């Protein structure tokens, strides 16, 4: 199979997916009700909320996040430039 045939087969499979008849009504009911997401927060979010009670802990988390982001960018640049 070439790429076009694979793509066409994928499109045919996606067209067969059925959505229940009241899907849009359910979505609008959730939006109007302003219900929170049904997913419970993970243990990581609970731990971060407990840590973030102190202002210095919030600042430390922000600095850590920025540092990790910059490290990730630098590693990506190294891979691109020296590959």
Protein backbone atom coordinates (compact mmCIF):
# COMPACT_ATOMS: atom_id res chain seq x y z
CA UNK A 1 0.00 0.00 0.00
CA UNK A 2 1.27 3.43 -0.80
CA UNK A 3 0.74 6.45 1.42
CA UNK A 4 -2.36 7.64 -0.39
CA UNK A 5 -4.10 4.28 0.03
CA UNK A 6 -3.21 4.19 3.71
CA UNK A 7 -4.59 7.70 4.12
CA UNK A 8 -7.81 6.85 2.30
CA UNK A 9 -8.27 3.73 4.46
CA UNK A 10 -7.76 5.84 7.57
CA UNK A 11 -10.34 8.39 6.36
CA UNK A 12 -12.89 5.63 5.71
CA UNK A 13 -12.37 4.23 9.22
CA UNK A 14 -12.80 7.68 10.77
CA UNK A 15 -16.01 8.32 8.81
CA UNK A 16 -17.58 5.22 10.35
CA UNK A 17 -17.29 6.51 13.91
CA UNK A 18 -20.76 7.28 15.23
CA UNK A 19 -21.54 10.00 17.71
CA UNK A 20 -24.59 9.65 19.92
CA UNK A 21 -27.55 11.77 18.86
CA UNK A 22 -27.53 13.99 21.98
CA UNK A 23 -23.77 14.61 22.06
CA UNK A 24 -24.01 18.34 21.38
CA UNK A 25 -26.83 18.72 23.91
CA UNK A 26 -24.69 17.01 26.55
CA UNK A 27 -21.73 19.28 25.77
CA UNK A 28 -23.89 22.38 26.04
CA UNK A 29 -25.41 21.11 29.28
CA UNK A 30 -21.91 20.75 30.74
CA UNK A 31 -20.92 24.22 29.55
CA UNK A 32 -24.04 25.88 30.91
CA UNK A 33 -23.81 24.00 34.17
CA UNK A 34 -20.19 25.08 34.50
CA UNK A 35 -19.40 21.70 35.91
CA UNK A 36 -15.76 21.02 36.65
CA UNK A 37 -14.01 18.23 34.83
CA UNK A 38 -14.96 14.82 36.13
CA UNK A 39 -11.33 13.80 36.35
CA UNK A 40 -9.94 13.92 39.85
CA UNK A 41 -6.62 15.73 40.29
CA UNK A 42 -3.58 13.51 40.32
CA UNK A 43 -1.30 13.06 43.28
CA UNK A 44 1.30 15.33 41.66
CA UNK A 45 -1.14 18.26 41.54
CA UNK A 46 -2.16 17.67 45.14
CA UNK A 47 1.50 17.65 46.22
CA UNK A 48 2.23 20.82 44.22
CA UNK A 49 -0.74 22.59 45.80
CA UNK A 50 0.55 21.70 49.26
CA UNK A 51 4.07 22.88 48.41
CA UNK A 52 2.84 26.10 46.81
CA UNK A 53 1.32 27.42 50.04
CA UNK A 54 4.48 29.37 50.82
CA UNK A 55 5.50 32.27 48.53
CA UNK A 56 9.16 31.18 48.45
CA UNK A 57 8.08 27.69 47.40
CA UNK A 58 6.08 29.14 44.52
CA UNK A 59 9.10 31.16 43.41
CA UNK A 60 11.31 28.08 43.66
CA UNK A 61 8.87 26.07 41.54
CA UNK A 62 8.82 28.80 38.89
CA UNK A 63 12.62 29.00 38.83
CA UNK A 64 12.84 25.22 38.57
CA UNK A 65 10.34 25.16 35.71
CA UNK A 66 12.16 27.89 33.81
CA UNK A 67 15.49 26.13 34.36
CA UNK A 68 14.14 22.85 33.07
CA UNK A 69 12.62 24.58 30.06
CA UNK A 70 15.90 26.30 29.20
CA UNK A 71 17.82 23.05 29.63
CA UNK A 72 15.42 21.33 27.28
CA UNK A 73 15.84 24.09 24.68
CA UNK A 74 19.64 23.90 24.96
CA UNK A 75 19.63 20.12 24.56
CA UNK A 76 17.43 20.44 21.49
CA UNK A 77 19.76 23.05 19.99
CA UNK A 78 22.75 20.82 20.68
CA UNK A 79 21.06 17.92 18.92
CA UNK A 80 20.20 20.09 15.93
CA UNK A 81 23.57 21.82 15.60
CA UNK A 82 25.90 18.93 16.35
CA UNK A 83 24.00 16.00 14.85
